[in-house]
């Protein structure tokens, strides 16, 4: 019995499609999830903090660390560390409604006392 090229090609394309779908699904690539980026500034050491570390609030993961840099002031010769956080607004509920991701929502959370701190 001879192999039919169309069947073999279809099998290979199907396997390739399944492989790509598995990578997207198990790799937790969030194609349709909207996120908000915020910056937290730290004056103290951020030793142990890495890109990809979870951002949690009372044990609930609400985002992750996207980047960590060092910023020096040429006037005061003081360093601070800006840490870019990516938050999922759907993980934070404000009075029964998910956050819209607007700047006003985050100002309300800051006014309510939401702050970033390092913890082990």
PDB file of N, CA and C in Angstrom:
ATOM      1  N   UNK A   1       0.855  -1.165   0.000  1.00  0.00           N
ATOM      2  CA  UNK A   1       0.000   0.000   0.000  1.00  0.00           C
ATOM      3  C   UNK A   1       0.906   1.236   0.000  1.00  0.00           C
ATOM      4  N   UNK A   2       0.693   2.157  -0.911  1.00  0.00           N
ATOM      5  CA  UNK A   2       1.515   3.366  -1.061  1.00  0.00           C
ATOM      6  C   UNK A   2       0.950   4.484  -0.192  1.00  0.00           C
ATOM      7  N   UNK A   3       1.849   5.288   0.365  1.00  0.00           N
ATOM      8  CA  UNK A   3       1.423   6.434   1.181  1.00  0.00           C
ATOM      9  C   UNK A   3       0.885   7.520   0.264  1.00  0.00           C
ATOM     10  N   UNK A   4      -0.206   8.131   0.660  1.00  0.00           N
ATOM     11  CA  UNK A   4      -0.804   9.198  -0.133  1.00  0.00           C
ATOM     12  C   UNK A   4      -0.282  10.539   0.392  1.00  0.00           C
ATOM     13  N   UNK A   5       0.311  11.352  -0.464  1.00  0.00           N
ATOM     14  CA  UNK A   5       0.909  12.613  -0.021  1.00  0.00           C
ATOM     15  C   UNK A   5      -0.089  13.550   0.664  1.00  0.00           C
ATOM     16  N   UNK A   6      -1.324  13.580   0.223  1.00  0.00           N
ATOM     17  CA  UNK A   6      -2.316  14.473   0.816  1.00  0.00           C
ATOM     18  C   UNK A   6      -2.616  14.077   2.259  1.00  0.00           C
ATOM     19  N   UNK A   7      -2.700  12.796   2.532  1.00  0.00           N
ATOM     20  CA  UNK A   7      -2.990  12.317   3.888  1.00  0.00           C
ATOM     21  C   UNK A   7      -1.804  12.576   4.806  1.00  0.00           C
ATOM     22  N   UNK A   8      -0.600  12.310   4.319  1.00  0.00           N
ATOM     23  CA  UNK A   8       0.601  12.550   5.115  1.00  0.00           C
ATOM     24  C   UNK A   8       0.741  14.051   5.409  1.00  0.00           C
ATOM     25  N   UNK A   9       0.528  14.896   4.404  1.00  0.00           N
ATOM     26  CA  UNK A   9       0.600  16.353   4.587  1.00  0.00           C
ATOM     27  C   UNK A   9      -0.444  16.849   5.570  1.00  0.00           C
ATOM     28  N   UNK A  10      -1.656  16.311   5.479  1.00  0.00           N
ATOM     29  CA  UNK A  10      -2.714  16.698   6.414  1.00  0.00           C
ATOM     30  C   UNK A  10      -2.387  16.306   7.841  1.00  0.00           C
ATOM     31  N   UNK A  11      -1.806  15.114   7.993  1.00  0.00           N
ATOM     32  CA  UNK A  11      -1.402  14.651   9.316  1.00  0.00           C
ATOM     33  C   UNK A  11      -0.325  15.560   9.899  1.00  0.00           C
ATOM     34  N   UNK A  12       0.645  15.940   9.097  1.00  0.00           N
ATOM     35  CA  UNK A  12       1.728  16.820   9.567  1.00  0.00           C
ATOM     36  C   UNK A  12       1.183  18.199   9.932  1.00  0.00           C
ATOM     37  N   UNK A  13       0.327  18.764   9.115  1.00  0.00           N
ATOM     38  CA  UNK A  13      -0.269  20.077   9.431  1.00  0.00           C
ATOM     39  C   UNK A  13      -1.124  20.015  10.692  1.00  0.00           C
ATOM     40  N   UNK A  14      -1.883  18.928  10.856  1.00  0.00           N
ATOM     41  CA  UNK A  14      -2.692  18.766  12.063  1.00  0.00           C
ATOM     42  C   UNK A  14      -1.836  18.672  13.311  1.00  0.00           C
ATOM     43  N   UNK A  15      -0.739  17.904  13.227  1.00  0.00           N
ATOM     44  CA  UNK A  15       0.172  17.774  14.374  1.00  0.00           C
ATOM     45  C   UNK A  15       0.818  19.122  14.697  1.00  0.00           C
ATOM     46  N   UNK A  16       1.193  19.871  13.677  1.00  0.00           N
ATOM     47  CA  UNK A  16       1.786  21.191  13.880  1.00  0.00           C
ATOM     48  C   UNK A  16       0.788  22.141  14.549  1.00  0.00           C
ATOM     49  N   UNK A  17      -0.458  22.115  14.105  1.00  0.00           N
ATOM     50  CA  UNK A  17      -1.492  22.964  14.712  1.00  0.00           C
ATOM     51  C   UNK A  17      -1.729  22.587  16.167  1.00  0.00           C
ATOM     52  N   UNK A  18      -1.772  21.297  16.472  1.00  0.00           N
ATOM     53  CA  UNK A  18      -1.933  20.856  17.857  1.00  0.00           C
ATOM     54  C   UNK A  18      -0.748  21.281  18.716  1.00  0.00           C
ATOM     55  N   UNK A  19       0.462  21.218  18.162  1.00  0.00           N
ATOM     56  CA  UNK A  19       1.654  21.648  18.905  1.00  0.00           C
ATOM     57  C   UNK A  19       1.612  23.127  19.239  1.00  0.00           C
ATOM     58  N   UNK A  20       1.229  23.957  18.273  1.00  0.00           N
ATOM     59  CA  UNK A  20       1.125  25.402  18.519  1.00  0.00           C
ATOM     60  C   UNK A  20       0.036  25.680  19.551  1.00  0.00           C
ATOM     61  N   UNK A  21      -1.106  25.017  19.451  1.00  0.00           N
ATOM     62  CA  UNK A  21      -2.195  25.213  20.418  1.00  0.00           C
ATOM     63  C   UNK A  21      -1.751  24.812  21.818  1.00  0.00           C
ATOM     64  N   UNK A  22      -1.003  23.732  21.948  1.00  0.00           N
ATOM     65  CA  UNK A  22      -0.526  23.286  23.259  1.00  0.00           C
ATOM     66  C   UNK A  22       0.447  24.293  23.860  1.00  0.00           C
ATOM     67  N   UNK A  23       1.334  24.840  23.041  1.00  0.00           N
ATOM     68  CA  UNK A  23       2.278  25.843  23.533  1.00  0.00           C
ATOM     69  C   UNK A  23       1.536  27.076  24.024  1.00  0.00           C
ATOM     70  N   UNK A  24       0.555  27.535  23.269  1.00  0.00           N
ATOM     71  CA  UNK A  24      -0.216  28.714  23.686  1.00  0.00           C
ATOM     72  C   UNK A  24      -1.016  28.443  24.952  1.00  0.00           C
ATOM     73  N   UNK A  25      -1.618  27.263  25.045  1.00  0.00           N
ATOM     74  CA  UNK A  25      -2.459  26.941  26.199  1.00  0.00           C
ATOM     75  C   UNK A  25      -1.620  26.713  27.453  1.00  0.00           C
ATOM     76  N   UNK A  26      -0.605  25.874  27.367  1.00  0.00           N
ATOM     77  CA  UNK A  26       0.191  25.534  28.540  1.00  0.00           C
ATOM     78  C   UNK A  26       1.228  26.605  28.874  1.00  0.00           C
ATOM     79  N   UNK A  27       1.557  27.446  27.923  1.00  0.00           N
ATOM     80  CA  UNK A  27       2.490  28.538  28.166  1.00  0.00           C
ATOM     81  C   UNK A  27       1.819  29.735  28.812  1.00  0.00           C
ATOM     82  N   UNK A  28       0.543  29.654  29.055  1.00  0.00           N
ATOM     83  CA  UNK A  28      -0.249  30.710  29.685  1.00  0.00           C
ATOM     84  C   UNK A  28      -0.123  32.027  28.950  1.00  0.00           C
ATOM     85  N   UNK A  29      -0.072  31.963  27.639  1.00  0.00           N
ATOM     86  CA  UNK A  29      -0.067  33.171  26.836  1.00  0.00           C
ATOM     87  C   UNK A  29      -1.480  33.729  26.838  1.00  0.00           C
ATOM     88  N   UNK A  30      -1.611  34.943  27.331  1.00  0.00           N
ATOM     89  CA  UNK A  30      -2.936  35.548  27.469  1.00  0.00           C
ATOM     90  C   UNK A  30      -3.155  36.531  26.330  1.00  0.00           C
ATOM     91  N   UNK A  31      -3.680  36.028  25.224  1.00  0.00           N
ATOM     92  CA  UNK A  31      -3.844  36.856  24.042  1.00  0.00           C
ATOM     93  C   UNK A  31      -4.973  37.869  24.187  1.00  0.00           C
ATOM     94  N   UNK A  32      -6.036  37.504  24.869  1.00  0.00           N
ATOM     95  CA  UNK A  32      -7.215  38.359  24.931  1.00  0.00           C
ATOM     96  C   UNK A  32      -7.429  38.980  26.300  1.00  0.00           C
ATOM     97  N   UNK A  33      -6.418  38.959  27.151  1.00  0.00           N
ATOM     98  CA  UNK A  33      -6.512  39.529  28.483  1.00  0.00           C
ATOM     99  C   UNK A  33      -5.928  40.936  28.473  1.00  0.00           C
ATOM    100  N   UNK A  34      -6.689  41.893  28.973  1.00  0.00           N
ATOM    101  CA  UNK A  34      -6.180  43.257  29.074  1.00  0.00           C
ATOM    102  C   UNK A  34      -5.470  43.417  30.410  1.00  0.00           C
ATOM    103  N   UNK A  35      -4.326  44.055  30.381  1.00  0.00           N
ATOM    104  CA  UNK A  35      -3.571  44.295  31.596  1.00  0.00           C
ATOM    105  C   UNK A  35      -3.214  45.772  31.674  1.00  0.00           C
ATOM    106  N   UNK A  36      -2.842  46.199  32.873  1.00  0.00           N
ATOM    107  CA  UNK A  36      -2.439  47.573  33.106  1.00  0.00           C
ATOM    108  C   UNK A  36      -1.046  47.571  33.686  1.00  0.00           C
ATOM    109  N   UNK A  37      -0.206  48.457  33.187  1.00  0.00           N
ATOM    110  CA  UNK A  37       1.154  48.562  33.716  1.00  0.00           C
ATOM    111  C   UNK A  37       1.246  49.744  34.661  1.00  0.00           C
ATOM    112  N   UNK A  38       1.835  49.470  35.822  1.00  0.00           N
ATOM    113  CA  UNK A  38       2.059  50.489  36.844  1.00  0.00           C
ATOM    114  C   UNK A  38       3.524  50.454  37.236  1.00  0.00           C
ATOM    115  N   UNK A  39       4.026  51.554  37.787  1.00  0.00           N
ATOM    116  CA  UNK A  39       5.410  51.615  38.232  1.00  0.00           C
ATOM    117  C   UNK A  39       5.426  51.885  39.732  1.00  0.00           C
ATOM    118  N   UNK A  40       6.164  51.053  40.465  1.00  0.00           N
ATOM    119  CA  UNK A  40       6.388  51.250  41.901  1.00  0.00           C
ATOM    120  C   UNK A  40       7.869  51.588  42.076  1.00  0.00           C
ATOM    121  N   UNK A  41       8.158  52.623  42.864  1.00  0.00           N
ATOM    122  CA  UNK A  41       9.535  53.045  43.092  1.00  0.00           C
ATOM    123  C   UNK A  41       9.967  52.596  44.479  1.00  0.00           C
ATOM    124  N   UNK A  42      11.148  51.974  44.553  1.00  0.00           N
ATOM    125  CA  UNK A  42      11.696  51.509  45.817  1.00  0.00           C
ATOM    126  C   UNK A  42      13.021  52.205  46.068  1.00  0.00           C
ATOM    127  N   UNK A  43      13.214  52.683  47.304  1.00  0.00           N
ATOM    128  CA  UNK A  43      14.476  53.297  47.701  1.00  0.00           C
ATOM    129  C   UNK A  43      15.401  52.279  48.353  1.00  0.00           C
ATOM    130  N   UNK A  44      14.841  51.158  48.814  1.00  0.00           N
ATOM    131  CA  UNK A  44      15.634  50.134  49.491  1.00  0.00           C
ATOM    132  C   UNK A  44      15.998  49.018  48.508  1.00  0.00           C
ATOM    133  N   UNK A  45      16.750  48.064  48.980  1.00  0.00           N
ATOM    134  CA  UNK A  45      17.197  46.950  48.157  1.00  0.00           C
ATOM    135  C   UNK A  45      16.013  46.103  47.694  1.00  0.00           C
ATOM    136  N   UNK A  46      16.099  45.658  46.462  1.00  0.00           N
ATOM    137  CA  UNK A  46      15.090  44.749  45.925  1.00  0.00           C
ATOM    138  C   UNK A  46      15.715  43.381  45.648  1.00  0.00           C
ATOM    139  N   UNK A  47      16.711  43.021  46.461  1.00  0.00           N
ATOM    140  CA  UNK A  47      17.412  41.742  46.296  1.00  0.00           C
ATOM    141  C   UNK A  47      16.409  40.594  46.337  1.00  0.00           C
ATOM    142  N   UNK A  48      16.509  39.707  45.386  1.00  0.00           N
ATOM    143  CA  UNK A  48      15.609  38.552  45.328  1.00  0.00           C
ATOM    144  C   UNK A  48      14.400  38.777  44.431  1.00  0.00           C
ATOM    145  N   UNK A  49      14.140  40.013  44.051  1.00  0.00           N
ATOM    146  CA  UNK A  49      13.011  40.295  43.161  1.00  0.00           C
ATOM    147  C   UNK A  49      13.462  40.096  41.721  1.00  0.00           C
ATOM    148  N   UNK A  50      12.713  39.334  40.960  1.00  0.00           N
ATOM    149  CA  UNK A  50      13.064  39.036  39.580  1.00  0.00           C
ATOM    150  C   UNK A  50      11.891  39.333  38.658  1.00  0.00           C
ATOM    151  N   UNK A  51      12.208  39.549  37.386  1.00  0.00           N
ATOM    152  CA  UNK A  51      11.176  39.704  36.363  1.00  0.00           C
ATOM    153  C   UNK A  51      10.367  38.414  36.316  1.00  0.00           C
ATOM    154  N   UNK A  52       9.060  38.550  36.281  1.00  0.00           N
ATOM    155  CA  UNK A  52       8.171  37.395  36.281  1.00  0.00           C
ATOM    156  C   UNK A  52       7.656  37.021  37.658  1.00  0.00           C
ATOM    157  N   UNK A  53       8.201  37.655  38.709  1.00  0.00           N
ATOM    158  CA  UNK A  53       7.740  37.362  40.073  1.00  0.00           C
ATOM    159  C   UNK A  53       6.274  37.758  40.215  1.00  0.00           C
ATOM    160  N   UNK A  54       5.507  37.006  40.988  1.00  0.00           N
ATOM    161  CA  UNK A  54       4.098  37.334  41.152  1.00  0.00           C
ATOM    162  C   UNK A  54       3.899  38.589  41.992  1.00  0.00           C
ATOM    163  N   UNK A  55       2.857  39.344  41.645  1.00  0.00           N
ATOM    164  CA  UNK A  55       2.404  40.469  42.458  1.00  0.00           C
ATOM    165  C   UNK A  55       1.132  39.982  43.139  1.00  0.00           C
ATOM    166  N   UNK A  56       1.162  39.948  44.477  1.00  0.00           N
ATOM    167  CA  UNK A  56       0.012  39.428  45.212  1.00  0.00           C
ATOM    168  C   UNK A  56      -0.536  40.468  46.170  1.00  0.00           C
ATOM    169  N   UNK A  57      -1.801  40.335  46.476  1.00  0.00           N
ATOM    170  CA  UNK A  57      -2.458  41.136  47.503  1.00  0.00           C
ATOM    171  C   UNK A  57      -3.165  40.163  48.416  1.00  0.00           C
ATOM    172  N   UNK A  58      -2.704  40.075  49.645  1.00  0.00           N
ATOM    173  CA  UNK A  58      -3.234  39.150  50.645  1.00  0.00           C
ATOM    174  C   UNK A  58      -3.327  37.727  50.088  1.00  0.00           C
ATOM    175  N   UNK A  59      -2.275  37.316  49.381  1.00  0.00           N
ATOM    176  CA  UNK A  59      -2.178  35.960  48.866  1.00  0.00           C
ATOM    177  C   UNK A  59      -2.820  35.724  47.514  1.00  0.00           C
ATOM    178  N   UNK A  60      -3.512  36.710  46.956  1.00  0.00           N
ATOM    179  CA  UNK A  60      -4.169  36.566  45.655  1.00  0.00           C
ATOM    180  C   UNK A  60      -3.261  37.163  44.588  1.00  0.00           C
ATOM    181  N   UNK A  61      -2.922  36.372  43.594  1.00  0.00           N
ATOM    182  CA  UNK A  61      -2.063  36.874  42.516  1.00  0.00           C
ATOM    183  C   UNK A  61      -2.865  37.816  41.625  1.00  0.00           C
ATOM    184  N   UNK A  62      -2.417  39.066  41.542  1.00  0.00           N
ATOM    185  CA  UNK A  62      -3.116  40.056  40.726  1.00  0.00           C
ATOM    186  C   UNK A  62      -2.260  40.556  39.569  1.00  0.00           C
ATOM    187  N   UNK A  63      -1.034  40.035  39.450  1.00  0.00           N
ATOM    188  CA  UNK A  63      -0.177  40.471  38.360  1.00  0.00           C
ATOM    189  C   UNK A  63       1.214  39.893  38.476  1.00  0.00           C
ATOM    190  N   UNK A  64       2.149  40.518  37.755  1.00  0.00           N
ATOM    191  CA  UNK A  64       3.527  40.055  37.773  1.00  0.00           C
ATOM    192  C   UNK A  64       4.480  41.221  37.527  1.00  0.00           C
ATOM    193  N   UNK A  65       5.745  41.010  37.871  1.00  0.00           N
ATOM    194  CA  UNK A  65       6.790  42.009  37.665  1.00  0.00           C
ATOM    195  C   UNK A  65       7.250  41.918  36.215  1.00  0.00           C
ATOM    196  N   UNK A  66       7.284  43.056  35.515  1.00  0.00           N
ATOM    197  CA  UNK A  66       7.677  43.070  34.110  1.00  0.00           C
ATOM    198  C   UNK A  66       9.110  43.531  33.883  1.00  0.00           C
ATOM    199  N   UNK A  67       9.577  44.516  34.670  1.00  0.00           N
ATOM    200  CA  UNK A  67      10.963  44.965  34.521  1.00  0.00           C
ATOM    201  C   UNK A  67      11.444  45.634  35.796  1.00  0.00           C
ATOM    202  N   UNK A  68      12.765  45.590  35.980  1.00  0.00           N
ATOM    203  CA  UNK A  68      13.409  46.204  37.140  1.00  0.00           C
ATOM    204  C   UNK A  68      14.633  46.951  36.612  1.00  0.00           C
ATOM    205  N   UNK A  69      14.747  48.228  36.956  1.00  0.00           N
ATOM    206  CA  UNK A  69      15.898  49.023  36.537  1.00  0.00           C
ATOM    207  C   UNK A  69      16.384  49.853  37.722  1.00  0.00           C
ATOM    208  N   UNK A  70      17.493  50.541  37.527  1.00  0.00           N
ATOM    209  CA  UNK A  70      18.016  51.459  38.536  1.00  0.00           C
ATOM    210  C   UNK A  70      18.045  52.839  37.908  1.00  0.00           C
ATOM    211  N   UNK A  71      17.545  53.819  38.656  1.00  0.00           N
ATOM    212  CA  UNK A  71      17.473  55.198  38.163  1.00  0.00           C
ATOM    213  C   UNK A  71      18.260  56.095  39.112  1.00  0.00           C
ATOM    214  N   UNK A  72      19.245  56.802  38.578  1.00  0.00           N
ATOM    215  CA  UNK A  72      20.063  57.705  39.395  1.00  0.00           C
ATOM    216  C   UNK A  72      19.668  59.144  39.113  1.00  0.00           C
ATOM    217  N   UNK A  73      19.618  59.955  40.167  1.00  0.00           N
ATOM    218  CA  UNK A  73      19.384  61.387  40.028  1.00  0.00           C
ATOM    219  C   UNK A  73      20.743  62.079  39.951  1.00  0.00           C
ATOM    220  N   UNK A  74      20.958  62.851  38.906  1.00  0.00           N
ATOM    221  CA  UNK A  74      22.238  63.553  38.763  1.00  0.00           C
ATOM    222  C   UNK A  74      22.337  64.742  39.704  1.00  0.00           C
ATOM    223  N   UNK A  75      21.212  65.248  40.148  1.00  0.00           N
ATOM    224  CA  UNK A  75      21.224  66.403  41.046  1.00  0.00           C
ATOM    225  C   UNK A  75      21.496  65.995  42.494  1.00  0.00           C
ATOM    226  N   UNK A  76      20.821  64.945  42.949  1.00  0.00           N
ATOM    227  CA  UNK A  76      20.936  64.552  44.355  1.00  0.00           C
ATOM    228  C   UNK A  76      21.834  63.334  44.555  1.00  0.00           C
ATOM    229  N   UNK A  77      22.298  62.716  43.498  1.00  0.00           N
ATOM    230  CA  UNK A  77      23.122  61.505  43.543  1.00  0.00           C
ATOM    231  C   UNK A  77      22.436  60.435  44.409  1.00  0.00           C
ATOM    232  N   UNK A  78      21.162  60.276  44.211  1.00  0.00           N
ATOM    233  CA  UNK A  78      20.368  59.282  44.925  1.00  0.00           C
ATOM    234  C   UNK A  78      19.826  58.291  43.899  1.00  0.00           C
ATOM    235  N   UNK A  79      19.851  57.027  44.262  1.00  0.00           N
ATOM    236  CA  UNK A  79      19.324  55.987  43.371  1.00  0.00           C
ATOM    237  C   UNK A  79      17.978  55.511  43.885  1.00  0.00           C
ATOM    238  N   UNK A  80      17.121  55.185  42.942  1.00  0.00           N
ATOM    239  CA  UNK A  80      15.863  54.516  43.282  1.00  0.00           C
ATOM    240  C   UNK A  80      15.618  53.463  42.212  1.00  0.00           C
ATOM    241  N   UNK A  81      14.787  52.514  42.542  1.00  0.00           N
ATOM    242  CA  UNK A  81      14.564  51.370  41.659  1.00  0.00           C
ATOM    243  C   UNK A  81      13.110  51.381  41.193  1.00  0.00           C
ATOM    244  N   UNK A  82      12.868  51.753  39.913  1.00  0.00           N
ATOM    245  CA  UNK A  82      11.509  51.636  39.380  1.00  0.00           C
ATOM    246  C   UNK A  82      11.233  50.189  38.959  1.00  0.00           C
ATOM    247  N   UNK A  83      10.133  49.655  39.454  1.00  0.00           N
ATOM    248  CA  UNK A  83       9.722  48.289  39.128  1.00  0.00           C
ATOM    249  C   UNK A  83       8.394  48.382  38.391  1.00  0.00           C
ATOM    250  N   UNK A  84       8.381  47.900  37.151  1.00  0.00           N
ATOM    251  CA  UNK A  84       7.159  47.935  36.347  1.00  0.00           C
ATOM    252  C   UNK A  84       6.342  46.691  36.670  1.00  0.00           C
ATOM    253  N   UNK A  85       5.096  46.909  37.089  1.00  0.00           N
ATOM    254  CA  UNK A  85       4.173  45.832  37.447  1.00  0.00           C
ATOM    255  C   UNK A  85       3.072  45.754  36.402  1.00  0.00           C
ATOM    256  N   UNK A  86       2.714  44.559  36.014  1.00  0.00           N
ATOM    257  CA  UNK A  86       1.599  44.369  35.098  1.00  0.00           C
ATOM    258  C   UNK A  86       0.466  43.734  35.892  1.00  0.00           C
ATOM    259  N   UNK A  87      -0.636  44.465  36.045  1.00  0.00           N
ATOM    260  CA  UNK A  87      -1.773  43.993  36.841  1.00  0.00           C
ATOM    261  C   UNK A  87      -2.925  43.588  35.939  1.00  0.00           C
ATOM    262  N   UNK A  88      -3.658  42.583  36.379  1.00  0.00           N
ATOM    263  CA  UNK A  88      -4.867  42.147  35.695  1.00  0.00           C
ATOM    264  C   UNK A  88      -6.050  42.842  36.374  1.00  0.00           C
ATOM    265  N   UNK A  89      -6.657  43.835  35.719  1.00  0.00           N
ATOM    266  CA  UNK A  89      -7.745  44.583  36.364  1.00  0.00           C
ATOM    267  C   UNK A  89      -8.961  43.732  36.707  1.00  0.00           C
ATOM    268  N   UNK A  90      -9.111  42.577  36.076  1.00  0.00           N
ATOM    269  CA  UNK A  90     -10.257  41.714  36.369  1.00  0.00           C
ATOM    270  C   UNK A  90     -10.084  40.955  37.678  1.00  0.00           C
ATOM    271  N   UNK A  91      -8.877  40.976  38.248  1.00  0.00           N
ATOM    272  CA  UNK A  91      -8.629  40.313  39.524  1.00  0.00           C
ATOM    273  C   UNK A  91      -8.916  41.238  40.707  1.00  0.00           C
ATOM    274  N   UNK A  92      -9.183  42.517  40.421  1.00  0.00           N
ATOM    275  CA  UNK A  92      -9.451  43.493  41.471  1.00  0.00           C
ATOM    276  C   UNK A  92     -10.873  44.010  41.270  1.00  0.00           C
ATOM    277  N   UNK A  93     -11.698  43.850  42.292  1.00  0.00           N
ATOM    278  CA  UNK A  93     -13.101  44.276  42.214  1.00  0.00           C
ATOM    279  C   UNK A  93     -13.265  45.538  43.047  1.00  0.00           C
ATOM    280  N   UNK A  94     -13.892  46.541  42.482  1.00  0.00           N
ATOM    281  CA  UNK A  94     -14.146  47.795  43.192  1.00  0.00           C
ATOM    282  C   UNK A  94     -15.647  47.947  43.367  1.00  0.00           C
ATOM    283  N   UNK A  95     -16.133  47.724  44.564  1.00  0.00           N
ATOM    284  CA  UNK A  95     -17.551  47.846  44.915  1.00  0.00           C
ATOM    285  C   UNK A  95     -18.447  47.074  43.952  1.00  0.00           C
ATOM    286  N   UNK A  96     -18.105  45.797  43.743  1.00  0.00           N
ATOM    287  CA  UNK A  96     -18.950  44.932  42.939  1.00  0.00           C
ATOM    288  C   UNK A  96     -18.675  44.979  41.449  1.00  0.00           C
ATOM    289  N   UNK A  97     -17.764  45.817  41.002  1.00  0.00           N
ATOM    290  CA  UNK A  97     -17.455  45.927  39.575  1.00  0.00           C
ATOM    291  C   UNK A  97     -15.957  45.746  39.360  1.00  0.00           C
ATOM    292  N   UNK A  98     -15.594  45.113  38.248  1.00  0.00           N
ATOM    293  CA  UNK A  98     -14.177  45.005  37.902  1.00  0.00           C
ATOM    294  C   UNK A  98     -13.651  46.386  37.547  1.00  0.00           C
ATOM    295  N   UNK A  99     -12.355  46.559  37.751  1.00  0.00           N
ATOM    296  CA  UNK A  99     -11.741  47.824  37.373  1.00  0.00           C
ATOM    297  C   UNK A  99     -11.818  47.989  35.866  1.00  0.00           C
ATOM    298  N   UNK A 100     -11.971  49.230  35.438  1.00  0.00           N
ATOM    299  CA  UNK A 100     -11.997  49.502  34.003  1.00  0.00           C
ATOM    300  C   UNK A 100     -10.592  49.668  33.458  1.00  0.00           C
ATOM    301  N   UNK A 101      -9.609  49.813  34.351  1.00  0.00           N
ATOM    302  CA  UNK A 101      -8.243  50.033  33.913  1.00  0.00           C
ATOM    303  C   UNK A 101      -7.937  51.498  33.710  1.00  0.00           C
ATOM    304  N   UNK A 102      -8.878  52.362  34.072  1.00  0.00           N
ATOM    305  CA  UNK A 102      -8.660  53.797  33.894  1.00  0.00           C
ATOM    306  C   UNK A 102      -7.756  54.333  35.002  1.00  0.00           C
ATOM    307  N   UNK A 103      -7.143  55.454  34.734  1.00  0.00           N
ATOM    308  CA  UNK A 103      -6.255  56.086  35.707  1.00  0.00           C
ATOM    309  C   UNK A 103      -7.030  56.467  36.972  1.00  0.00           C
ATOM    310  N   UNK A 104      -8.281  56.858  36.814  1.00  0.00           N
ATOM    311  CA  UNK A 104      -9.120  57.237  37.960  1.00  0.00           C
ATOM    312  C   UNK A 104      -9.310  56.067  38.931  1.00  0.00           C
ATOM    313  N   UNK A 105      -9.500  54.856  38.398  1.00  0.00           N
ATOM    314  CA  UNK A 105      -9.654  53.675  39.259  1.00  0.00           C
ATOM    315  C   UNK A 105      -8.430  53.473  40.137  1.00  0.00           C
ATOM    316  N   UNK A 106      -7.247  53.612  39.546  1.00  0.00           N
ATOM    317  CA  UNK A 106      -6.026  53.383  40.311  1.00  0.00           C
ATOM    318  C   UNK A 106      -5.757  54.506  41.300  1.00  0.00           C
ATOM    319  N   UNK A 107      -6.169  55.733  40.967  1.00  0.00           N
ATOM    320  CA  UNK A 107      -6.051  56.816  41.950  1.00  0.00           C
ATOM    321  C   UNK A 107      -6.967  56.554  43.144  1.00  0.00           C
ATOM    322  N   UNK A 108      -8.145  56.003  42.906  1.00  0.00           N
ATOM    323  CA  UNK A 108      -9.054  55.658  44.009  1.00  0.00           C
ATOM    324  C   UNK A 108      -8.439  54.576  44.888  1.00  0.00           C
ATOM    325  N   UNK A 109      -7.792  53.584  44.270  1.00  0.00           N
ATOM    326  CA  UNK A 109      -7.145  52.532  45.051  1.00  0.00           C
ATOM    327  C   UNK A 109      -5.980  53.084  45.869  1.00  0.00           C
ATOM    328  N   UNK A 110      -5.203  54.000  45.289  1.00  0.00           N
ATOM    329  CA  UNK A 110      -4.109  54.630  46.036  1.00  0.00           C
ATOM    330  C   UNK A 110      -4.653  55.452  47.196  1.00  0.00           C
ATOM    331  N   UNK A 111      -5.724  56.178  46.962  1.00  0.00           N
ATOM    332  CA  UNK A 111      -6.353  56.962  48.035  1.00  0.00           C
ATOM    333  C   UNK A 111      -6.888  56.054  49.139  1.00  0.00           C
ATOM    334  N   UNK A 112      -7.277  54.823  48.770  1.00  0.00           N
ATOM    335  CA  UNK A 112      -7.796  53.865  49.751  1.00  0.00           C
ATOM    336  C   UNK A 112      -6.665  53.158  50.504  1.00  0.00           C
ATOM    337  N   UNK A 113      -5.403  53.427  50.115  1.00  0.00           N
ATOM    338  CA  UNK A 113      -4.285  52.867  50.863  1.00  0.00           C
ATOM    339  C   UNK A 113      -3.522  51.759  50.178  1.00  0.00           C
ATOM    340  N   UNK A 114      -3.807  51.447  48.912  1.00  0.00           N
ATOM    341  CA  UNK A 114      -3.088  50.389  48.209  1.00  0.00           C
ATOM    342  C   UNK A 114      -1.646  50.844  47.966  1.00  0.00           C
ATOM    343  N   UNK A 115      -0.680  50.054  48.433  1.00  0.00           N
ATOM    344  CA  UNK A 115       0.743  50.371  48.278  1.00  0.00           C
ATOM    345  C   UNK A 115       1.505  49.096  47.918  1.00  0.00           C
ATOM    346  N   UNK A 116       2.650  49.275  47.286  1.00  0.00           N
ATOM    347  CA  UNK A 116       3.525  48.145  46.970  1.00  0.00           C
ATOM    348  C   UNK A 116       4.604  48.018  48.028  1.00  0.00           C
ATOM    349  N   UNK A 117       4.884  46.782  48.432  1.00  0.00           N
ATOM    350  CA  UNK A 117       5.985  46.525  49.347  1.00  0.00           C
ATOM    351  C   UNK A 117       6.594  45.181  49.017  1.00  0.00           C
ATOM    352  N   UNK A 118       7.846  45.034  49.361  1.00  0.00           N
ATOM    353  CA  UNK A 118       8.531  43.777  49.108  1.00  0.00           C
ATOM    354  C   UNK A 118       8.298  42.824  50.264  1.00  0.00           C
ATOM    355  N   UNK A 119       8.036  41.579  49.944  1.00  0.00           N
ATOM    356  CA  UNK A 119       7.836  40.552  50.977  1.00  0.00           C
ATOM    357  C   UNK A 119       8.375  39.236  50.471  1.00  0.00           C
ATOM    358  N   UNK A 120       8.827  38.388  51.374  1.00  0.00           N
ATOM    359  CA  UNK A 120       9.315  37.063  50.992  1.00  0.00           C
ATOM    360  C   UNK A 120       8.182  36.081  50.994  1.00  0.00           C
TER     361      UNK A 120
END
